[in-house]
PDB file of N, CA and C in Angstrom:
ATOM      1  N   MET A   1     -32.445 -57.133-161.226  1.00  0.00           N
ATOM      2  CA  MET A   1     -31.654 -55.964-161.570  1.00  0.00           C
ATOM      3  C   MET A   1     -30.687 -55.617-160.445  1.00  0.00           C
ATOM      4  N   LYS A   2     -31.189 -55.585-159.192  1.00  0.00           N
ATOM      5  CA  LYS A   2     -30.327 -55.256-158.062  1.00  0.00           C
ATOM      6  C   LYS A   2     -29.224 -56.289-157.899  1.00  0.00           C
ATOM      7  N   LYS A   3     -29.569 -57.551-158.151  1.00  0.00           N
ATOM      8  CA  LYS A   3     -28.583 -58.619-158.016  1.00  0.00           C
ATOM      9  C   LYS A   3     -27.466 -58.449-159.046  1.00  0.00           C
ATOM     10  N   THR A   4     -27.819 -58.085-160.269  1.00  0.00           N
ATOM     11  CA  THR A   4     -26.834 -57.859-161.324  1.00  0.00           C
ATOM     12  C   THR A   4     -25.920 -56.695-160.971  1.00  0.00           C
ATOM     13  N   LEU A   5     -26.502 -55.596-160.486  1.00  0.00           N
ATOM     14  CA  LEU A   5     -25.692 -54.438-160.091  1.00  0.00           C
ATOM     15  C   LEU A   5     -24.760 -54.799-158.939  1.00  0.00           C
ATOM     16  N   PHE A   6     -25.277 -55.544-157.970  1.00  0.00           N
ATOM     17  CA  PHE A   6     -24.456 -55.955-156.839  1.00  0.00           C
ATOM     18  C   PHE A   6     -23.288 -56.827-157.308  1.00  0.00           C
ATOM     19  N   LEU A   7     -23.566 -57.776-158.200  1.00  0.00           N
ATOM     20  CA  LEU A   7     -22.496 -58.649-158.708  1.00  0.00           C
ATOM     21  C   LEU A   7     -21.456 -57.851-159.496  1.00  0.00           C
ATOM     22  N   ALA A   8     -21.906 -56.901-160.294  1.00  0.00           N
ATOM     23  CA  ALA A   8     -20.971 -56.067-161.054  1.00  0.00           C
ATOM     24  C   ALA A   8     -20.090 -55.254-160.115  1.00  0.00           C
ATOM     25  N   LEU A   9     -20.684 -54.682-159.069  1.00  0.00           N
ATOM     26  CA  LEU A   9     -19.918 -53.916-158.088  1.00  0.00           C
ATOM     27  C   LEU A   9     -18.929 -54.810-157.360  1.00  0.00           C
ATOM     28  N   LEU A  10     -19.375 -55.990-156.974  1.00  0.00           N
ATOM     29  CA  LEU A  10     -18.504 -56.933-156.279  1.00  0.00           C
ATOM     30  C   LEU A  10     -17.320 -57.339-157.151  1.00  0.00           C
ATOM     31  N   MET A  11     -17.556 -57.583-158.424  1.00  0.00           N
ATOM     32  CA  MET A  11     -16.472 -57.952-159.337  1.00  0.00           C
ATOM     33  C   MET A  11     -15.493 -56.800-159.511  1.00  0.00           C
ATOM     34  N   THR A  12     -16.012 -55.592-159.573  1.00  0.00           N
ATOM     35  CA  THR A  12     -15.145 -54.419-159.707  1.00  0.00           C
ATOM     36  C   THR A  12     -14.251 -54.268-158.491  1.00  0.00           C
ATOM     37  N   LEU A  13     -14.816 -54.465-157.311  1.00  0.00           N
ATOM     38  CA  LEU A  13     -14.032 -54.333-156.087  1.00  0.00           C
ATOM     39  C   LEU A  13     -13.015 -55.459-155.941  1.00  0.00           C
ATOM     40  N   ALA A  14     -13.299 -56.616-156.514  1.00  0.00           N
ATOM     41  CA  ALA A  14     -12.401 -57.759-156.397  1.00  0.00           C
ATOM     42  C   ALA A  14     -11.207 -57.659-157.336  1.00  0.00           C
ATOM     43  N   LEU A  15     -11.324 -56.841-158.387  1.00  0.00           N
ATOM     44  CA  LEU A  15     -10.222 -56.706-159.339  1.00  0.00           C
ATOM     45  C   LEU A  15      -9.098 -55.889-158.722  1.00  0.00           C
ATOM     46  N   PRO A  16      -7.852 -56.248-158.993  1.00  0.00           N
ATOM     47  CA  PRO A  16      -6.751 -55.425-158.492  1.00  0.00           C
ATOM     48  C   PRO A  16      -6.785 -54.058-159.161  1.00  0.00           C
ATOM     49  N   SER A  17      -6.342 -53.036-158.424  1.00  0.00           N
ATOM     50  CA  SER A  17      -6.404 -51.677-158.965  1.00  0.00           C
ATOM     51  C   SER A  17      -5.532 -51.500-160.197  1.00  0.00           C
ATOM     52  N   SER A  18      -4.539 -52.347-160.406  1.00  0.00           N
ATOM     53  CA  SER A  18      -3.674 -52.199-161.575  1.00  0.00           C
ATOM     54  C   SER A  18      -4.393 -52.538-162.871  1.00  0.00           C
ATOM     55  N   VAL A  19      -5.598 -53.150-162.780  1.00  0.00           N
ATOM     56  CA  VAL A  19      -6.371 -53.458-163.981  1.00  0.00           C
ATOM     57  C   VAL A  19      -6.848 -52.164-164.623  1.00  0.00           C
ATOM     58  N   PHE A  20      -7.146 -51.160-163.818  1.00  0.00           N
ATOM     59  CA  PHE A  20      -7.656 -49.905-164.329  1.00  0.00           C
ATOM     60  C   PHE A  20      -6.514 -49.007-164.792  1.00  0.00           C
ATOM     61  N   ALA A  21      -6.746 -48.315-165.887  1.00  0.00           N
ATOM     62  CA  ALA A  21      -5.765 -47.358-166.382  1.00  0.00           C
ATOM     63  C   ALA A  21      -6.266 -45.952-166.053  1.00  0.00           C
ATOM     64  N   TYR A  22      -5.346 -45.063-165.781  1.00  0.00           N
ATOM     65  CA  TYR A  22      -5.689 -43.706-165.399  1.00  0.00           C
ATOM     66  C   TYR A  22      -5.143 -42.724-166.421  1.00  0.00           C
ATOM     67  N   GLY A  23      -5.806 -41.598-166.499  1.00  0.00           N
ATOM     68  CA  GLY A  23      -5.350 -40.493-167.325  1.00  0.00           C
ATOM     69  C   GLY A  23      -5.410 -39.220-166.499  1.00  0.00           C
ATOM     70  N   ALA A  24      -4.752 -38.181-166.992  1.00  0.00           N
ATOM     71  CA  ALA A  24      -4.765 -36.894-166.288  1.00  0.00           C
ATOM     72  C   ALA A  24      -4.558 -35.761-167.289  1.00  0.00           C
ATOM     73  N   ILE A  25      -4.950 -34.577-166.855  1.00  0.00           N
ATOM     74  CA  ILE A  25      -4.773 -33.363-167.645  1.00  0.00           C
ATOM     75  C   ILE A  25      -4.075 -32.337-166.764  1.00  0.00           C
ATOM     76  N   ALA A  26      -3.044 -31.697-167.307  1.00  0.00           N
ATOM     77  CA  ALA A  26      -2.354 -30.600-166.621  1.00  0.00           C
ATOM     78  C   ALA A  26      -2.484 -29.350-167.487  1.00  0.00           C
ATOM     79  N   ILE A  27      -2.597 -28.210-166.851  1.00  0.00           N
ATOM     80  CA  ILE A  27      -2.768 -26.930-167.550  1.00  0.00           C
ATOM     81  C   ILE A  27      -1.801 -25.915-166.951  1.00  0.00           C
ATOM     82  N   ASP A  28      -1.234 -25.079-167.827  1.00  0.00           N
ATOM     83  CA  ASP A  28      -0.496 -23.889-167.397  1.00  0.00           C
ATOM     84  C   ASP A  28      -1.417 -22.716-167.684  1.00  0.00           C
ATOM     85  N   ASN A  29      -2.023 -22.173-166.659  1.00  0.00           N
ATOM     86  CA  ASN A  29      -3.031 -21.137-166.875  1.00  0.00           C
ATOM     87  C   ASN A  29      -2.471 -19.725-166.854  1.00  0.00           C
ATOM     88  N   GLN A  30      -1.175 -19.576-167.050  1.00  0.00           N
ATOM     89  CA  GLN A  30      -0.592 -18.243-167.170  1.00  0.00           C
ATOM     90  C   GLN A  30      -1.085 -17.627-168.480  1.00  0.00           C
ATOM     91  N   TYR A  31      -1.658 -16.444-168.395  1.00  0.00           N
ATOM     92  CA  TYR A  31      -2.191 -15.802-169.594  1.00  0.00           C
ATOM     93  C   TYR A  31      -1.090 -15.089-170.348  1.00  0.00           C
ATOM     94  N   GLY A  32      -1.222 -15.075-171.655  1.00  0.00           N
ATOM     95  CA  GLY A  32      -0.251 -14.411-172.507  1.00  0.00           C
ATOM     96  C   GLY A  32      -0.774 -14.372-173.919  1.00  0.00           C
ATOM     97  N   ASP A  33       0.136 -14.220-174.855  1.00  0.00           N
ATOM     98  CA  ASP A  33      -0.261 -14.153-176.254  1.00  0.00           C
ATOM     99  C   ASP A  33      -0.518 -15.527-176.858  1.00  0.00           C
ATOM    100  N   ASP A  34      -0.010 -16.557-176.209  1.00  0.00           N
ATOM    101  CA  ASP A  34      -0.160 -17.907-176.732  1.00  0.00           C
ATOM    102  C   ASP A  34      -1.302 -18.636-176.033  1.00  0.00           C
ATOM    103  N   ASP A  35      -1.737 -19.726-176.672  1.00  0.00           N
ATOM    104  CA  ASP A  35      -2.721 -20.593-176.028  1.00  0.00           C
ATOM    105  C   ASP A  35      -2.108 -21.174-174.765  1.00  0.00           C
ATOM    106  N   PRO A  36      -2.933 -21.460-173.759  1.00  0.00           N
ATOM    107  CA  PRO A  36      -2.394 -22.083-172.539  1.00  0.00           C
ATOM    108  C   PRO A  36      -1.732 -23.427-172.866  1.00  0.00           C
ATOM    109  N   ALA A  37      -0.607 -23.686-172.250  1.00  0.00           N
ATOM    110  CA  ALA A  37       0.053 -24.979-172.434  1.00  0.00           C
ATOM    111  C   ALA A  37      -0.749 -26.032-171.670  1.00  0.00           C
ATOM    112  N   TYR A  38      -0.719 -27.248-172.169  1.00  0.00           N
ATOM    113  CA  TYR A  38      -1.422 -28.328-171.500  1.00  0.00           C
ATOM    114  C   TYR A  38      -0.652 -29.620-171.694  1.00  0.00           C
ATOM    115  N   GLY A  39      -0.913 -30.567-170.847  1.00  0.00           N
ATOM    116  CA  GLY A  39      -0.354 -31.904-170.967  1.00  0.00           C
ATOM    117  C   GLY A  39      -1.445 -32.913-170.705  1.00  0.00           C
ATOM    118  N   PHE A  40      -1.358 -34.039-171.367  1.00  0.00           N
ATOM    119  CA  PHE A  40      -2.401 -35.048-171.312  1.00  0.00           C
ATOM    120  C   PHE A  40      -1.732 -36.404-171.210  1.00  0.00           C
ATOM    121  N   SER A  41      -2.156 -37.236-170.295  1.00  0.00           N
ATOM    122  CA  SER A  41      -1.604 -38.582-170.227  1.00  0.00           C
ATOM    123  C   SER A  41      -2.748 -39.584-170.109  1.00  0.00           C
ATOM    124  N   ILE A  42      -2.551 -40.758-170.676  1.00  0.00           N
ATOM    125  CA  ILE A  42      -3.516 -41.850-170.541  1.00  0.00           C
ATOM    126  C   ILE A  42      -2.755 -43.163-170.411  1.00  0.00           C
ATOM    127  N   GLY A  43      -3.431 -44.169-169.926  1.00  0.00           N
ATOM    128  CA  GLY A  43      -2.852 -45.505-169.844  1.00  0.00           C
ATOM    129  C   GLY A  43      -1.868 -45.717-168.716  1.00  0.00           C
ATOM    130  N   GLU A  44      -1.895 -44.867-167.705  1.00  0.00           N
ATOM    131  CA  GLU A  44      -0.965 -44.992-166.596  1.00  0.00           C
ATOM    132  C   GLU A  44      -1.523 -45.954-165.542  1.00  0.00           C
ATOM    133  N   ASP A  45      -0.645 -46.509-164.707  1.00  0.00           N
ATOM    134  CA  ASP A  45      -1.078 -47.494-163.721  1.00  0.00           C
ATOM    135  C   ASP A  45      -1.520 -46.893-162.385  1.00  0.00           C
ATOM    136  N   SER A  46      -1.414 -45.585-162.220  1.00  0.00           N
ATOM    137  CA  SER A  46      -1.914 -44.923-161.011  1.00  0.00           C
ATOM    138  C   SER A  46      -2.281 -43.485-161.356  1.00  0.00           C
ATOM    139  N   LYS A  47      -3.153 -42.901-160.527  1.00  0.00           N
ATOM    140  CA  LYS A  47      -3.525 -41.505-160.780  1.00  0.00           C
ATOM    141  C   LYS A  47      -2.342 -40.579-160.542  1.00  0.00           C
ATOM    142  N   GLU A  48      -1.485 -40.912-159.574  1.00  0.00           N
ATOM    143  CA  GLU A  48      -0.311 -40.079-159.315  1.00  0.00           C
ATOM    144  C   GLU A  48       0.633 -40.066-160.515  1.00  0.00           C
ATOM    145  N   ARG A  49       0.868 -41.238-161.092  1.00  0.00           N
ATOM    146  CA  ARG A  49       1.740 -41.334-162.268  1.00  0.00           C
ATOM    147  C   ARG A  49       1.126 -40.582-163.462  1.00  0.00           C
ATOM    148  N   ALA A  50      -0.180 -40.710-163.619  1.00  0.00           N
ATOM    149  CA  ALA A  50      -0.873 -40.000-164.699  1.00  0.00           C
ATOM    150  C   ALA A  50      -0.712 -38.489-164.525  1.00  0.00           C
ATOM    151  N   GLN A  51      -0.873 -38.009-163.299  1.00  0.00           N
ATOM    152  CA  GLN A  51      -0.726 -36.580-163.042  1.00  0.00           C
ATOM    153  C   GLN A  51       0.707 -36.110-163.288  1.00  0.00           C
ATOM    154  N   ARG A  52       1.676 -36.887-162.831  1.00  0.00           N
ATOM    155  CA  ARG A  52       3.088 -36.526-163.047  1.00  0.00           C
ATOM    156  C   ARG A  52       3.408 -36.423-164.534  1.00  0.00           C
ATOM    157  N   HIS A  53       2.959 -37.403-165.306  1.00  0.00           N
ATOM    158  CA  HIS A  53       3.248 -37.386-166.743  1.00  0.00           C
ATOM    159  C   HIS A  53       2.526 -36.235-167.444  1.00  0.00           C
ATOM    160  N   ALA A  54       1.300 -35.938-167.025  1.00  0.00           N
ATOM    161  CA  ALA A  54       0.581 -34.818-167.630  1.00  0.00           C
ATOM    162  C   ALA A  54       1.333 -33.503-167.385  1.00  0.00           C
ATOM    163  N   VAL A  55       1.837 -33.308-166.170  1.00  0.00           N
ATOM    164  CA  VAL A  55       2.616 -32.104-165.852  1.00  0.00           C
ATOM    165  C   VAL A  55       3.898 -32.074-166.685  1.00  0.00           C
ATOM    166  N   LYS A  56       4.556 -33.215-166.803  1.00  0.00           N
ATOM    167  CA  LYS A  56       5.788 -33.299-167.600  1.00  0.00           C
ATOM    168  C   LYS A  56       5.519 -32.901-169.051  1.00  0.00           C
ATOM    169  N   TYR A  57       4.443 -33.440-169.632  1.00  0.00           N
ATOM    170  CA  TYR A  57       4.117 -33.118-171.027  1.00  0.00           C
ATOM    171  C   TYR A  57       3.716 -31.656-171.180  1.00  0.00           C
ATOM    172  N   CYS A  58       3.051 -31.100-170.178  1.00  0.00           N
ATOM    173  CA  CYS A  58       2.692 -29.683-170.201  1.00  0.00           C
ATOM    174  C   CYS A  58       3.951 -28.820-170.250  1.00  0.00           C
ATOM    175  N   ARG A  59       4.945 -29.174-169.444  1.00  0.00           N
ATOM    176  CA  ARG A  59       6.211 -28.424-169.449  1.00  0.00           C
ATOM    177  C   ARG A  59       6.931 -28.566-170.787  1.00  0.00           C
ATOM    178  N   GLU A  60       6.877 -29.775-171.359  1.00  0.00           N
ATOM    179  CA  GLU A  60       7.499 -29.987-172.677  1.00  0.00           C
ATOM    180  C   GLU A  60       6.800 -29.163-173.755  1.00  0.00           C
ATOM    181  N   TYR A  61       5.532 -28.891-173.563  1.00  0.00           N
ATOM    182  CA  TYR A  61       4.750 -28.094-174.501  1.00  0.00           C
ATOM    183  C   TYR A  61       5.031 -26.601-174.333  1.00  0.00           C
ATOM    184  N   GLY A  62       5.795 -26.227-173.309  1.00  0.00           N
ATOM    185  CA  GLY A  62       6.170 -24.834-173.106  1.00  0.00           C
ATOM    186  C   GLY A  62       5.620 -24.199-171.850  1.00  0.00           C
ATOM    187  N   GLY A  63       4.885 -24.940-171.058  1.00  0.00           N
ATOM    188  CA  GLY A  63       4.331 -24.386-169.829  1.00  0.00           C
ATOM    189  C   GLY A  63       5.388 -24.233-168.749  1.00  0.00           C
ATOM    190  N   THR A  64       5.262 -23.192-167.964  1.00  0.00           N
ATOM    191  CA  THR A  64       6.201 -22.966-166.866  1.00  0.00           C
ATOM    192  C   THR A  64       5.516 -23.072-165.507  1.00  0.00           C
ATOM    193  N   ASN A  65       4.190 -23.048-165.494  1.00  0.00           N
ATOM    194  CA  ASN A  65       3.425 -23.100-164.251  1.00  0.00           C
ATOM    195  C   ASN A  65       2.365 -24.209-164.344  1.00  0.00           C
ATOM    196  N   CYS A  66       2.773 -25.385-164.800  1.00  0.00           N
ATOM    197  CA  CYS A  66       1.839 -26.476-165.060  1.00  0.00           C
ATOM    198  C   CYS A  66       1.380 -27.140-163.766  1.00  0.00           C
ATOM    199  N   LYS A  67       0.079 -27.394-163.700  1.00  0.00           N
ATOM    200  CA  LYS A  67      -0.510 -28.085-162.553  1.00  0.00           C
ATOM    201  C   LYS A  67      -1.513 -29.112-163.071  1.00  0.00           C
ATOM    202  N   ALA A  68      -1.494 -30.290-162.460  1.00  0.00           N
ATOM    203  CA  ALA A  68      -2.499 -31.301-162.795  1.00  0.00           C
ATOM    204  C   ALA A  68      -3.843 -30.806-162.275  1.00  0.00           C
ATOM    205  N   VAL A  69      -4.833 -30.745-163.156  1.00  0.00           N
ATOM    206  CA  VAL A  69      -6.137 -30.222-162.760  1.00  0.00           C
ATOM    207  C   VAL A  69      -7.179 -31.318-162.586  1.00  0.00           C
ATOM    208  N   VAL A  70      -6.961 -32.481-163.204  1.00  0.00           N
ATOM    209  CA  VAL A  70      -7.942 -33.559-163.078  1.00  0.00           C
ATOM    210  C   VAL A  70      -7.314 -34.885-163.483  1.00  0.00           C
ATOM    211  N   TRP A  71      -7.784 -35.950-162.871  1.00  0.00           N
ATOM    212  CA  TRP A  71      -7.416 -37.296-163.305  1.00  0.00           C
ATOM    213  C   TRP A  71      -8.721 -38.036-163.593  1.00  0.00           C
ATOM    214  N   PHE A  72      -8.627 -39.074-164.419  1.00  0.00           N
ATOM    215  CA  PHE A  72      -9.837 -39.788-164.817  1.00  0.00           C
ATOM    216  C   PHE A  72      -9.511 -41.239-165.139  1.00  0.00           C
ATOM    217  N   GLU A  73     -10.560 -42.054-165.193  1.00  0.00           N
ATOM    218  CA  GLU A  73     -10.406 -43.466-165.516  1.00  0.00           C
ATOM    219  C   GLU A  73     -11.000 -43.829-166.867  1.00  0.00           C
ATOM    220  N   THR A  74     -11.694 -42.932-167.519  1.00  0.00           N
ATOM    221  CA  THR A  74     -12.332 -43.269-168.783  1.00  0.00           C
ATOM    222  C   THR A  74     -11.898 -42.324-169.890  1.00  0.00           C
ATOM    223  N   CYS A  75     -12.558 -41.189-170.010  1.00  0.00           N
ATOM    224  CA  CYS A  75     -12.255 -40.240-171.088  1.00  0.00           C
ATOM    225  C   CYS A  75     -11.979 -38.852-170.519  1.00  0.00           C
ATOM    226  N   GLY A  76     -11.117 -38.115-171.205  1.00  0.00           N
ATOM    227  CA  GLY A  76     -10.810 -36.746-170.815  1.00  0.00           C
ATOM    228  C   GLY A  76     -10.653 -35.874-172.040  1.00  0.00           C
ATOM    229  N   ALA A  77     -10.845 -34.566-171.867  1.00  0.00           N
ATOM    230  CA  ALA A  77     -10.720 -33.615-172.976  1.00  0.00           C
ATOM    231  C   ALA A  77     -10.226 -32.276-172.446  1.00  0.00           C
ATOM    232  N   VAL A  78      -9.549 -31.522-173.322  1.00  0.00           N
ATOM    233  CA  VAL A  78      -9.042 -30.188-173.001  1.00  0.00           C
ATOM    234  C   VAL A  78      -9.493 -29.233-174.095  1.00  0.00           C
ATOM    235  N   ALA A  79     -10.015 -28.078-173.693  1.00  0.00           N
ATOM    236  CA  ALA A  79     -10.381 -27.011-174.621  1.00  0.00           C
ATOM    237  C   ALA A  79      -9.592 -25.768-174.231  1.00  0.00           C
ATOM    238  N   VAL A  80      -9.095 -25.020-175.218  1.00  0.00           N
ATOM    239  CA  VAL A  80      -8.340 -23.802-174.923  1.00  0.00           C
ATOM    240  C   VAL A  80      -8.675 -22.701-175.924  1.00  0.00           C
ATOM    241  N   SER A  81      -8.441 -21.480-175.482  1.00  0.00           N
ATOM    242  CA  SER A  81      -8.414 -20.300-176.335  1.00  0.00           C
ATOM    243  C   SER A  81      -7.264 -19.451-175.815  1.00  0.00           C
ATOM    244  N   LYS A  82      -7.115 -18.249-176.290  1.00  0.00           N
ATOM    245  CA  LYS A  82      -5.999 -17.405-175.846  1.00  0.00           C
ATOM    246  C   LYS A  82      -6.039 -17.106-174.346  1.00  0.00           C
ATOM    247  N   LYS A  83      -7.225 -16.946-173.783  1.00  0.00           N
ATOM    248  CA  LYS A  83      -7.324 -16.555-172.379  1.00  0.00           C
ATOM    249  C   LYS A  83      -8.106 -17.527-171.512  1.00  0.00           C
ATOM    250  N   TYR A  84      -8.663 -18.547-172.105  1.00  0.00           N
ATOM    251  CA  TYR A  84      -9.526 -19.446-171.352  1.00  0.00           C
ATOM    252  C   TYR A  84      -9.100 -20.889-171.576  1.00  0.00           C
ATOM    253  N   TYR A  85      -9.453 -21.731-170.616  1.00  0.00           N
ATOM    254  CA  TYR A  85      -9.255 -23.167-170.786  1.00  0.00           C
ATOM    255  C   TYR A  85     -10.357 -23.907-170.055  1.00  0.00           C
ATOM    256  N   GLY A  86     -10.542 -25.120-170.437  1.00  0.00           N
ATOM    257  CA  GLY A  86     -11.513 -25.968-169.768  1.00  0.00           C
ATOM    258  C   GLY A  86     -11.103 -27.416-169.921  1.00  0.00           C
ATOM    259  N   TYR A  87     -11.525 -28.225-169.000  1.00  0.00           N
ATOM    260  CA  TYR A  87     -11.259 -29.654-169.095  1.00  0.00           C
ATOM    261  C   TYR A  87     -12.528 -30.396-168.726  1.00  0.00           C
ATOM    262  N   GLY A  88     -12.614 -31.600-169.199  1.00  0.00           N
ATOM    263  CA  GLY A  88     -13.772 -32.417-168.886  1.00  0.00           C
ATOM    264  C   GLY A  88     -13.389 -33.877-168.863  1.00  0.00           C
ATOM    265  N   TYR A  89     -14.206 -34.661-168.231  1.00  0.00           N
ATOM    266  CA  TYR A  89     -14.000 -36.100-168.195  1.00  0.00           C
ATOM    267  C   TYR A  89     -15.367 -36.757-168.073  1.00  0.00           C
ATOM    268  N   GLY A  90     -15.428 -38.009-168.449  1.00  0.00           N
ATOM    269  CA  GLY A  90     -16.704 -38.698-168.359  1.00  0.00           C
ATOM    270  C   GLY A  90     -16.645 -40.102-168.914  1.00  0.00           C
ATOM    271  N   ARG A  91     -17.809 -40.701-169.024  1.00  0.00           N
ATOM    272  CA  ARG A  91     -17.922 -42.087-169.477  1.00  0.00           C
ATOM    273  C   ARG A  91     -17.604 -42.263-170.951  1.00  0.00           C
ATOM    274  N   ASN A  92     -17.721 -41.175-171.725  1.00  0.00           N
ATOM    275  CA  ASN A  92     -17.407 -41.255-173.153  1.00  0.00           C
ATOM    276  C   ASN A  92     -16.773 -39.943-173.614  1.00  0.00           C
ATOM    277  N   LYS A  93     -16.222 -39.980-174.799  1.00  0.00           N
ATOM    278  CA  LYS A  93     -15.488 -38.826-175.320  1.00  0.00           C
ATOM    279  C   LYS A  93     -16.382 -37.603-175.471  1.00  0.00           C
ATOM    280  N   GLN A  94     -17.616 -37.796-175.927  1.00  0.00           N
ATOM    281  CA  GLN A  94     -18.507 -36.651-176.133  1.00  0.00           C
ATOM    282  C   GLN A  94     -18.825 -35.939-174.823  1.00  0.00           C
ATOM    283  N   LYS A  95     -19.029 -36.694-173.748  1.00  0.00           N
ATOM    284  CA  LYS A  95     -19.275 -36.094-172.426  1.00  0.00           C
ATOM    285  C   LYS A  95     -18.072 -35.261-171.992  1.00  0.00           C
ATOM    286  N   ALA A  96     -16.872 -35.816-172.180  1.00  0.00           N
ATOM    287  CA  ALA A  96     -15.652 -35.097-171.807  1.00  0.00           C
ATOM    288  C   ALA A  96     -15.515 -33.811-172.629  1.00  0.00           C
ATOM    289  N   ILE A  97     -15.777 -33.899-173.915  1.00  0.00           N
ATOM    290  CA  ILE A  97     -15.698 -32.725-174.804  1.00  0.00           C
ATOM    291  C   ILE A  97     -16.716 -31.668-174.398  1.00  0.00           C
ATOM    292  N   ASP A  98     -17.952 -32.094-174.181  1.00  0.00           N
ATOM    293  CA  ASP A  98     -19.006 -31.145-173.796  1.00  0.00           C
ATOM    294  C   ASP A  98     -18.653 -30.413-172.500  1.00  0.00           C
ATOM    295  N   ASP A  99     -18.158 -31.143-171.516  1.00  0.00           N
ATOM    296  CA  ASP A  99     -17.780 -30.522-170.246  1.00  0.00           C
ATOM    297  C   ASP A  99     -16.602 -29.563-170.408  1.00  0.00           C
ATOM    298  N   ALA A 100     -15.613 -29.938-171.222  1.00  0.00           N
ATOM    299  CA  ALA A 100     -14.455 -29.071-171.459  1.00  0.00           C
ATOM    300  C   ALA A 100     -14.883 -27.768-172.131  1.00  0.00           C
ATOM    301  N   MET A 101     -15.755 -27.865-173.120  1.00  0.00           N
ATOM    302  CA  MET A 101     -16.222 -26.661-173.819  1.00  0.00           C
ATOM    303  C   MET A 101     -17.063 -25.780-172.893  1.00  0.00           C
ATOM    304  N   GLU A 102     -17.891 -26.403-172.079  1.00  0.00           N
ATOM    305  CA  GLU A 102     -18.706 -25.633-171.134  1.00  0.00           C
ATOM    306  C   GLU A 102     -17.817 -24.914-170.116  1.00  0.00           C
ATOM    307  N   MET A 103     -16.825 -25.600-169.586  1.00  0.00           N
ATOM    308  CA  MET A 103     -15.935 -24.973-168.611  1.00  0.00           C
ATOM    309  C   MET A 103     -15.118 -23.851-169.250  1.00  0.00           C
ATOM    310  N   CYS A 104     -14.683 -24.062-170.478  1.00  0.00           N
ATOM    311  CA  CYS A 104     -13.893 -23.040-171.173  1.00  0.00           C
ATOM    312  C   CYS A 104     -14.745 -21.775-171.352  1.00  0.00           C
ATOM    313  N   GLY A 105     -16.000 -21.947-171.705  1.00  0.00           N
ATOM    314  CA  GLY A 105     -16.963 -20.861-171.683  1.00  0.00           C
ATOM    315  C   GLY A 105     -16.772 -19.729-172.670  1.00  0.00           C
ATOM    316  N   HIS A 106     -16.058 -19.949-173.738  1.00  0.00           N
ATOM    317  CA  HIS A 106     -15.836 -18.890-174.708  1.00  0.00           C
ATOM    318  C   HIS A 106     -16.001 -19.459-176.107  1.00  0.00           C
ATOM    319  N   LYS A 107     -16.593 -18.685-177.003  1.00  0.00           N
ATOM    320  CA  LYS A 107     -16.871 -19.209-178.339  1.00  0.00           C
ATOM    321  C   LYS A 107     -15.607 -19.516-179.141  1.00  0.00           C
ATOM    322  N   ARG A 108     -14.474 -18.963-178.747  1.00  0.00           N
ATOM    323  CA  ARG A 108     -13.226 -19.242-179.459  1.00  0.00           C
ATOM    324  C   ARG A 108     -12.487 -20.461-178.930  1.00  0.00           C
ATOM    325  N   CYS A 109     -13.003 -21.094-177.902  1.00  0.00           N
ATOM    326  CA  CYS A 109     -12.377 -22.300-177.360  1.00  0.00           C
ATOM    327  C   CYS A 109     -12.437 -23.427-178.379  1.00  0.00           C
ATOM    328  N   GLN A 110     -11.366 -24.183-178.418  1.00  0.00           N
ATOM    329  CA  GLN A 110     -11.298 -25.337-179.313  1.00  0.00           C
ATOM    330  C   GLN A 110     -10.784 -26.536-178.529  1.00  0.00           C
ATOM    331  N   ILE A 111     -11.300 -27.690-178.858  1.00  0.00           N
ATOM    332  CA  ILE A 111     -10.821 -28.921-178.262  1.00  0.00           C
ATOM    333  C   ILE A 111      -9.427 -29.205-178.859  1.00  0.00           C
ATOM    334  N   VAL A 112      -8.431 -29.366-177.982  1.00  0.00           N
ATOM    335  CA  VAL A 112      -7.069 -29.653-178.458  1.00  0.00           C
ATOM    336  C   VAL A 112      -6.655 -31.100-178.150  1.00  0.00           C
ATOM    337  N   ALA A 113      -7.382 -31.745-177.250  1.00  0.00           N
ATOM    338  CA  ALA A 113      -7.110 -33.149-176.952  1.00  0.00           C
ATOM    339  C   ALA A 113      -8.376 -33.771-176.379  1.00  0.00           C
ATOM    340  N   ALA A 114      -8.669 -34.980-176.828  1.00  0.00           N
ATOM    341  CA  ALA A 114      -9.792 -35.751-176.297  1.00  0.00           C
ATOM    342  C   ALA A 114      -9.445 -37.225-176.503  1.00  0.00           C
ATOM    343  N   GLU A 115      -9.285 -37.936-175.395  1.00  0.00           N
ATOM    344  CA  GLU A 115      -8.874 -39.337-175.461  1.00  0.00           C
ATOM    345  C   GLU A 115      -9.658 -40.188-174.485  1.00  0.00           C
ATOM    346  N   CYS A 116      -9.717 -41.462-174.780  1.00  0.00           N
ATOM    347  CA  CYS A 116     -10.359 -42.429-173.892  1.00  0.00           C
ATOM    348  C   CYS A 116      -9.425 -43.611-173.692  1.00  0.00           C
ATOM    349  N   GLU A 117      -9.590 -44.251-172.535  1.00  0.00           N
ATOM    350  CA  GLU A 117      -8.821 -45.468-172.244  1.00  0.00           C
ATOM    351  C   GLU A 117      -9.341 -46.598-173.076  1.00  0.00           C
TER     352      GLU A 117
END
């Protein structure tokens, strides 16, 4: 078992970083009458690029104070309500959704985006 884990880790480290795809979530947490604006990106070749695109999409969605709040390599999700937001990430979509809903912390929160690489 240890040998298999070691070999898997070694293979992961030997792969060029461009093999992995990154995603990010940006949120505009300014409160108002509308749901918080958000941006979501996946399939980018670096975490910086993923964050930049997420902020760009957040602004296109109407946000004026968008900030990248998280980047991920597998799955991500965003939950929003009128005054609350949450984000999550994890090994699978359900983990990301569960974390986003928990962080949002309000019964009116709804998942607005959940994607995996």
